[in-house]
């Protein structure tokens, strides 16, 4: 139980060297920086539904960091990052509990500590599949002077909102053609083309992506106003300054029957119009083609809708190479693994810089 860990930590501090200290940061603490969509509840939890949502801290003096998490129905997958370095992903069970994120930190140094939700809500029934975050536990472990300083994470100068399907949600990115496709074992948006593109552009990012989604047959438009993916009770505030992106990047369409060209183009225009209405004309929206399996199918229709000036694509020869059934670029379910996502990212990054006017980014 969560209170047991707090009790144990307090006891450890009482019976260890004098430098021990414990800091508890609740979900609504202003020093906890959220990147992505979240819902703070009256019960003191942050509801996390969309994959890729990240919580961040800047810490000095702590030797270890833990978090109280609940995985929602079916559980969920998370990953900690320390000083920008990803650690091993872990599974969070449905029942809330405490999870050690990192130990052995140098208490004399300053560190960035991040917690990313890797799995999307694969239950898809209201908020039943949403995960929860309640609090961080920071312990000095007796090193240094016992003082723990916590501040808000220093955000990057730019932020990107990615909209997409399984290739953006990271479906099977950690898997292999023989691994099976359990989302809590193999889903990872951090290593997707989107995550790699954001890091290449030195930008913060978040995703609203659903595996299997499109714009026509199962349209993402119906979910984009939701704070919790499959619960329409709480609407996301698109205008909040803390969440406004500098650009929106979209990869979606292969899950639709784009051979129905007129219907598909109208549905894609509906998505373009929705994003324009929510963000206004000052935030650029860029459209990428190059997803896995049949990812090139909707390219021509999308280009007709958005115009060549807002469209970038993978090289066709590269797409053919990484989508071969026998290669080193695929995870499970014929979706890209990290190497496949890297090829897509490298093919589009220079065009993205050019179109967005971010050419100075290295």
Foldseek 3Di string as FASTA:
>chain_A
DAVVVVVVLVVCCVPDDVLKDKDKFWPPRPQWAKAAFWDQDPVRKIWAAAFFIKIKKKKALFQWKKWWKAQFVPWFKKWKDKQNRIDDIDTHYRDIDMGTHDGGDDNHDIMMMMMGTFFHQPVLDASRRIMITTIMMTMNSRPDNNDMDMGHDDFWPFEEEEEEECLQSQFLQQAAAPRDGDRNVGGGNCLFLVNVLCVLLVHHYGYDYYHLEAQAPHRCVVQPQDSRRNHPPDGDQLPPPSHDGQEYEYQHHPSDPCVVPVRRLVSVVVVVVVVCVSRPDRRYYAYEFQFWDPRCVCQVSVCVNPPPLRYFYQDPVLSVVLQDPDDDQAGYPSGGHSVVSVSGNVRCNCSVCVSSVSVVRD
